[in-house]
Amino acid sequence: MALTLSERAAQHVSAFLAKRGKGLGVRLGVKTSGCSGMAYKLEFVDVENTEDVRFESYGVAIYTDAKSLAYLDGTELDYVKEGLNEGFKFNNPNVKNECGCGESFNV
């Protein structure tokens, strides 16, 4: 089981954490939401929780909880620029369907 960051995502997270002046890494998770059932959660981590599962990619720590890991296993978090838009993209091999707006998914 693993979560990874692309090199570009790791660079973006590292730069943002340096700008913030604090932080251990990022936390990926899922929550029940949207028309397809689940949505991604992404937040910066300042304190490691005892129930966290920790991975590292390109020197950046990635945290998740065991429940979310069941849905996220194998996911790569990428950072993409498409025209004027830029942001994180979840490359999750477990996704079976996504809603039309791309905000939610199911496995």
N, C-alpha and C. Protein backbone atom coordinates (compact mmCIF):
# COMPACT_ATOMS: atom_id res chain seq x y z
N MET A 1 0.85 -1.18 0.00
CA MET A 1 0.00 0.00 0.00
C MET A 1 0.89 1.24 0.00
N ALA A 2 0.50 2.21 -0.82
CA ALA A 2 1.32 3.41 -0.90
C ALA A 2 0.56 4.59 -1.50
N LEU A 3 0.98 5.79 -1.11
CA LEU A 3 0.56 7.03 -1.72
C LEU A 3 1.83 7.74 -2.16
N THR A 4 1.77 8.40 -3.32
CA THR A 4 2.95 9.09 -3.82
C THR A 4 2.59 10.48 -4.34
N LEU A 5 3.62 11.29 -4.49
CA LEU A 5 3.52 12.59 -5.13
C LEU A 5 4.34 12.54 -6.41
N SER A 6 3.90 13.25 -7.43
CA SER A 6 4.76 13.43 -8.59
C SER A 6 5.86 14.40 -8.17
N GLU A 7 6.91 14.44 -8.96
CA GLU A 7 8.00 15.36 -8.63
C GLU A 7 7.51 16.80 -8.60
N ARG A 8 6.66 17.16 -9.55
CA ARG A 8 6.12 18.53 -9.60
C ARG A 8 5.25 18.84 -8.38
N ALA A 9 4.43 17.88 -7.95
CA ALA A 9 3.60 18.09 -6.76
C ALA A 9 4.47 18.23 -5.52
N ALA A 10 5.51 17.41 -5.41
CA ALA A 10 6.41 17.49 -4.26
C ALA A 10 7.10 18.85 -4.21
N GLN A 11 7.53 19.36 -5.35
CA GLN A 11 8.16 20.67 -5.40
C GLN A 11 7.19 21.76 -4.98
N HIS A 12 5.95 21.66 -5.44
CA HIS A 12 4.93 22.65 -5.09
C HIS A 12 4.63 22.62 -3.58
N VAL A 13 4.46 21.42 -3.03
CA VAL A 13 4.18 21.29 -1.59
C VAL A 13 5.37 21.81 -0.78
N SER A 14 6.58 21.44 -1.15
CA SER A 14 7.78 21.90 -0.43
C SER A 14 7.88 23.41 -0.43
N ALA A 15 7.64 24.03 -1.59
CA ALA A 15 7.70 25.49 -1.69
C ALA A 15 6.62 26.14 -0.84
N PHE A 16 5.43 25.56 -0.84
CA PHE A 16 4.34 26.13 -0.05
C PHE A 16 4.62 26.00 1.44
N LEU A 17 5.14 24.85 1.87
CA LEU A 17 5.47 24.66 3.29
C LEU A 17 6.57 25.64 3.71
N ALA A 18 7.55 25.88 2.85
CA ALA A 18 8.62 26.83 3.16
C ALA A 18 8.05 28.25 3.29
N LYS A 19 7.13 28.59 2.40
CA LYS A 19 6.49 29.91 2.43
C LYS A 19 5.65 30.08 3.69
N ARG A 20 4.97 29.00 4.09
CA ARG A 20 4.14 29.00 5.31
C ARG A 20 5.00 29.14 6.56
N GLY A 21 6.21 28.58 6.47
CA GLY A 21 7.11 28.61 7.62
C GLY A 21 6.88 27.50 8.62
N LYS A 22 5.99 26.58 8.30
CA LYS A 22 5.73 25.43 9.18
C LYS A 22 5.03 24.35 8.39
N GLY A 23 5.00 23.15 8.96
CA GLY A 23 4.29 22.04 8.33
C GLY A 23 5.18 20.83 8.15
N LEU A 24 4.58 19.65 8.33
CA LEU A 24 5.29 18.38 8.20
C LEU A 24 5.10 17.75 6.83
N GLY A 25 4.03 18.10 6.14
CA GLY A 25 3.70 17.50 4.85
C GLY A 25 2.25 17.74 4.52
N VAL A 26 1.65 16.81 3.76
CA VAL A 26 0.25 16.92 3.37
C VAL A 26 -0.52 15.68 3.82
N ARG A 27 -1.82 15.89 4.05
CA ARG A 27 -2.72 14.80 4.42
C ARG A 27 -3.72 14.61 3.29
N LEU A 28 -3.81 13.38 2.80
CA LEU A 28 -4.82 13.01 1.81
C LEU A 28 -5.88 12.18 2.50
N GLY A 29 -7.10 12.39 2.12
CA GLY A 29 -8.18 11.61 2.70
C GLY A 29 -9.40 11.64 1.79
N VAL A 30 -10.42 10.94 2.19
CA VAL A 30 -11.69 10.95 1.48
C VAL A 30 -12.80 11.24 2.47
N LYS A 31 -13.87 11.81 1.95
CA LYS A 31 -15.06 12.05 2.76
C LYS A 31 -16.28 11.72 1.93
N THR A 32 -17.37 11.40 2.57
CA THR A 32 -18.62 11.14 1.87
C THR A 32 -19.17 12.47 1.39
N SER A 33 -19.35 12.58 0.08
CA SER A 33 -19.79 13.85 -0.48
C SER A 33 -20.07 13.70 -1.96
N GLY A 34 -20.75 14.66 -2.53
CA GLY A 34 -20.94 14.74 -3.96
C GLY A 34 -21.94 13.74 -4.51
N CYS A 35 -22.14 13.81 -5.82
CA CYS A 35 -23.14 12.96 -6.46
C CYS A 35 -22.64 11.55 -6.73
N SER A 36 -21.32 11.32 -6.65
CA SER A 36 -20.79 9.97 -6.88
C SER A 36 -20.42 9.24 -5.60
N GLY A 37 -20.50 9.91 -4.47
CA GLY A 37 -20.30 9.23 -3.20
C GLY A 37 -19.15 9.68 -2.35
N MET A 38 -17.97 9.96 -2.94
CA MET A 38 -16.80 10.35 -2.15
C MET A 38 -16.09 11.52 -2.81
N ALA A 39 -15.44 12.32 -1.98
CA ALA A 39 -14.64 13.43 -2.47
C ALA A 39 -13.30 13.41 -1.76
N TYR A 40 -12.29 13.96 -2.40
CA TYR A 40 -10.96 14.02 -1.81
C TYR A 40 -10.85 15.15 -0.81
N LYS A 41 -10.01 14.93 0.21
CA LYS A 41 -9.64 15.97 1.15
C LYS A 41 -8.13 16.12 1.04
N LEU A 42 -7.66 17.35 1.03
CA LEU A 42 -6.23 17.64 0.98
C LEU A 42 -5.97 18.79 1.92
N GLU A 43 -5.05 18.60 2.86
CA GLU A 43 -4.72 19.66 3.81
C GLU A 43 -3.27 19.53 4.24
N PHE A 44 -2.73 20.61 4.73
CA PHE A 44 -1.36 20.59 5.23
C PHE A 44 -1.35 20.05 6.65
N VAL A 45 -0.29 19.35 7.01
CA VAL A 45 -0.17 18.72 8.33
C VAL A 45 0.85 19.49 9.16
N ASP A 46 0.40 19.94 10.32
CA ASP A 46 1.30 20.61 11.27
C ASP A 46 1.64 19.70 12.44
N VAL A 47 0.75 18.74 12.73
CA VAL A 47 0.96 17.81 13.84
C VAL A 47 0.60 16.41 13.37
N GLU A 48 1.51 15.47 13.59
CA GLU A 48 1.26 14.08 13.22
C GLU A 48 0.33 13.44 14.25
N ASN A 49 -0.72 12.75 13.76
CA ASN A 49 -1.64 12.04 14.64
C ASN A 49 -1.16 10.61 14.84
N THR A 50 -1.48 10.03 15.98
CA THR A 50 -1.03 8.66 16.27
C THR A 50 -1.62 7.64 15.31
N GLU A 51 -2.81 7.91 14.76
CA GLU A 51 -3.45 6.97 13.83
C GLU A 51 -3.04 7.19 12.38
N ASP A 52 -2.17 8.16 12.12
CA ASP A 52 -1.72 8.44 10.75
C ASP A 52 -0.90 7.30 10.17
N VAL A 53 -1.09 7.07 8.89
CA VAL A 53 -0.21 6.21 8.11
C VAL A 53 0.63 7.19 7.29
N ARG A 54 1.96 7.03 7.34
CA ARG A 54 2.87 8.00 6.73
C ARG A 54 3.65 7.37 5.58
N PHE A 55 3.72 8.12 4.48
CA PHE A 55 4.53 7.75 3.33
C PHE A 55 5.44 8.93 3.02
N GLU A 56 6.43 8.71 2.19
CA GLU A 56 7.29 9.81 1.77
C GLU A 56 7.57 9.68 0.29
N SER A 57 7.54 10.83 -0.39
CA SER A 57 7.77 10.86 -1.83
C SER A 57 8.55 12.13 -2.16
N TYR A 58 9.70 11.98 -2.80
CA TYR A 58 10.56 13.12 -3.14
C TYR A 58 10.84 14.01 -1.93
N GLY A 59 10.99 13.39 -0.77
CA GLY A 59 11.33 14.12 0.44
C GLY A 59 10.17 14.79 1.15
N VAL A 60 8.96 14.57 0.66
CA VAL A 60 7.77 15.18 1.27
C VAL A 60 6.94 14.10 1.94
N ALA A 61 6.52 14.34 3.17
CA ALA A 61 5.69 13.38 3.91
C ALA A 61 4.24 13.49 3.45
N ILE A 62 3.62 12.32 3.29
CA ILE A 62 2.20 12.21 2.92
C ILE A 62 1.52 11.41 4.03
N TYR A 63 0.47 11.95 4.60
CA TYR A 63 -0.25 11.30 5.69
C TYR A 63 -1.66 10.96 5.23
N THR A 64 -2.19 9.88 5.78
CA THR A 64 -3.58 9.51 5.58
C THR A 64 -4.03 8.67 6.76
N ASP A 65 -5.32 8.41 6.84
CA ASP A 65 -5.84 7.50 7.86
C ASP A 65 -6.11 6.16 7.21
N ALA A 66 -6.19 5.11 8.00
CA ALA A 66 -6.35 3.75 7.48
C ALA A 66 -7.62 3.60 6.66
N LYS A 67 -8.71 4.24 7.06
CA LYS A 67 -9.97 4.13 6.32
C LYS A 67 -9.82 4.73 4.92
N SER A 68 -9.22 5.92 4.83
CA SER A 68 -9.03 6.55 3.53
C SER A 68 -8.07 5.77 2.66
N LEU A 69 -7.05 5.16 3.27
CA LEU A 69 -6.05 4.42 2.51
C LEU A 69 -6.68 3.30 1.70
N ALA A 70 -7.74 2.71 2.21
CA ALA A 70 -8.43 1.64 1.47
C ALA A 70 -8.94 2.14 0.12
N TYR A 71 -9.31 3.43 0.02
CA TYR A 71 -9.81 4.02 -1.21
C TYR A 71 -8.70 4.70 -2.02
N LEU A 72 -7.59 5.04 -1.37
CA LEU A 72 -6.53 5.81 -2.01
C LEU A 72 -5.30 5.01 -2.38
N ASP A 73 -5.23 3.75 -2.00
CA ASP A 73 -4.03 2.95 -2.23
C ASP A 73 -3.60 3.03 -3.70
N GLY A 74 -2.35 3.37 -3.94
CA GLY A 74 -1.83 3.47 -5.29
C GLY A 74 -2.00 4.85 -5.91
N THR A 75 -2.62 5.78 -5.20
CA THR A 75 -2.87 7.11 -5.74
C THR A 75 -1.59 7.94 -5.82
N GLU A 76 -1.45 8.65 -6.93
CA GLU A 76 -0.39 9.63 -7.07
C GLU A 76 -1.04 11.00 -7.11
N LEU A 77 -0.54 11.92 -6.30
CA LEU A 77 -1.00 13.30 -6.32
C LEU A 77 -0.06 14.07 -7.24
N ASP A 78 -0.62 14.66 -8.29
CA ASP A 78 0.16 15.41 -9.26
C ASP A 78 -0.23 16.87 -9.16
N TYR A 79 0.61 17.74 -9.70
CA TYR A 79 0.31 19.17 -9.78
C TYR A 79 0.39 19.54 -11.25
N VAL A 80 -0.72 19.98 -11.81
CA VAL A 80 -0.79 20.22 -13.25
C VAL A 80 -1.18 21.66 -13.56
N LYS A 81 -0.70 22.13 -14.70
CA LYS A 81 -1.09 23.43 -15.24
C LYS A 81 -1.73 23.15 -16.59
N GLU A 82 -2.97 23.60 -16.74
CA GLU A 82 -3.70 23.43 -17.99
C GLU A 82 -4.26 24.78 -18.39
N GLY A 83 -3.61 25.43 -19.34
CA GLY A 83 -4.03 26.78 -19.72
C GLY A 83 -3.82 27.73 -18.56
N LEU A 84 -4.86 28.43 -18.18
CA LEU A 84 -4.78 29.37 -17.06
C LEU A 84 -5.05 28.71 -15.71
N ASN A 85 -5.45 27.45 -15.75
CA ASN A 85 -5.77 26.72 -14.51
C ASN A 85 -4.58 25.89 -14.06
N GLU A 86 -4.43 25.82 -12.75
CA GLU A 86 -3.42 24.94 -12.18
C GLU A 86 -3.92 24.43 -10.85
N GLY A 87 -3.47 23.23 -10.49
CA GLY A 87 -3.89 22.66 -9.22
C GLY A 87 -3.51 21.21 -9.11
N PHE A 88 -3.90 20.62 -7.99
CA PHE A 88 -3.59 19.23 -7.73
C PHE A 88 -4.56 18.33 -8.48
N LYS A 89 -4.03 17.20 -8.94
CA LYS A 89 -4.84 16.19 -9.62
C LYS A 89 -4.56 14.85 -8.97
N PHE A 90 -5.62 14.13 -8.62
CA PHE A 90 -5.51 12.82 -8.01
C PHE A 90 -5.55 11.75 -9.10
N ASN A 91 -4.48 11.01 -9.24
CA ASN A 91 -4.43 9.88 -10.18
C ASN A 91 -4.65 8.61 -9.35
N ASN A 92 -5.92 8.25 -9.21
CA ASN A 92 -6.33 7.16 -8.33
C ASN A 92 -6.74 5.95 -9.17
N PRO A 93 -5.97 4.86 -9.12
CA PRO A 93 -6.29 3.68 -9.94
C PRO A 93 -7.54 2.94 -9.46
N ASN A 94 -8.07 3.27 -8.30
CA ASN A 94 -9.24 2.57 -7.75
C ASN A 94 -10.56 3.14 -8.23
N VAL A 95 -10.55 4.31 -8.83
CA VAL A 95 -11.79 4.99 -9.23
C VAL A 95 -12.48 4.23 -10.36
N LYS A 96 -13.75 3.95 -10.15
CA LYS A 96 -14.57 3.28 -11.17
C LYS A 96 -15.41 4.30 -11.95
N ASN A 97 -15.93 5.31 -11.26
CA ASN A 97 -16.77 6.34 -11.88
C ASN A 97 -16.51 7.68 -11.21
N GLU A 98 -16.62 8.75 -12.00
CA GLU A 98 -16.53 10.11 -11.48
C GLU A 98 -17.76 10.87 -11.92
N CYS A 99 -18.15 11.86 -11.15
CA CYS A 99 -19.29 12.67 -11.55
C CYS A 99 -18.86 13.60 -12.68
N GLY A 100 -19.81 14.21 -13.34
CA GLY A 100 -19.54 15.07 -14.48
C GLY A 100 -18.69 16.28 -14.13
N CYS A 101 -18.83 16.81 -12.91
CA CYS A 101 -18.07 17.99 -12.53
C CYS A 101 -16.67 17.62 -12.03
N GLY A 102 -16.41 16.34 -11.82
CA GLY A 102 -15.08 15.89 -11.39
C GLY A 102 -14.79 16.08 -9.93
N GLU A 103 -15.79 16.45 -9.14
CA GLU A 103 -15.58 16.70 -7.72
C GLU A 103 -15.74 15.46 -6.86
N SER A 104 -16.39 14.43 -7.34
CA SER A 104 -16.60 13.25 -6.53
C SER A 104 -16.41 11.98 -7.38
N PHE A 105 -16.27 10.85 -6.68
CA PHE A 105 -15.96 9.59 -7.33
C PHE A 105 -16.50 8.43 -6.53
N ASN A 106 -16.48 7.23 -7.12
CA ASN A 106 -16.75 6.02 -6.35
C ASN A 106 -15.79 4.92 -6.81
N VAL A 107 -15.63 3.94 -5.94
CA VAL A 107 -14.71 2.84 -6.22
C VAL A 107 -15.47 1.53 -6.24
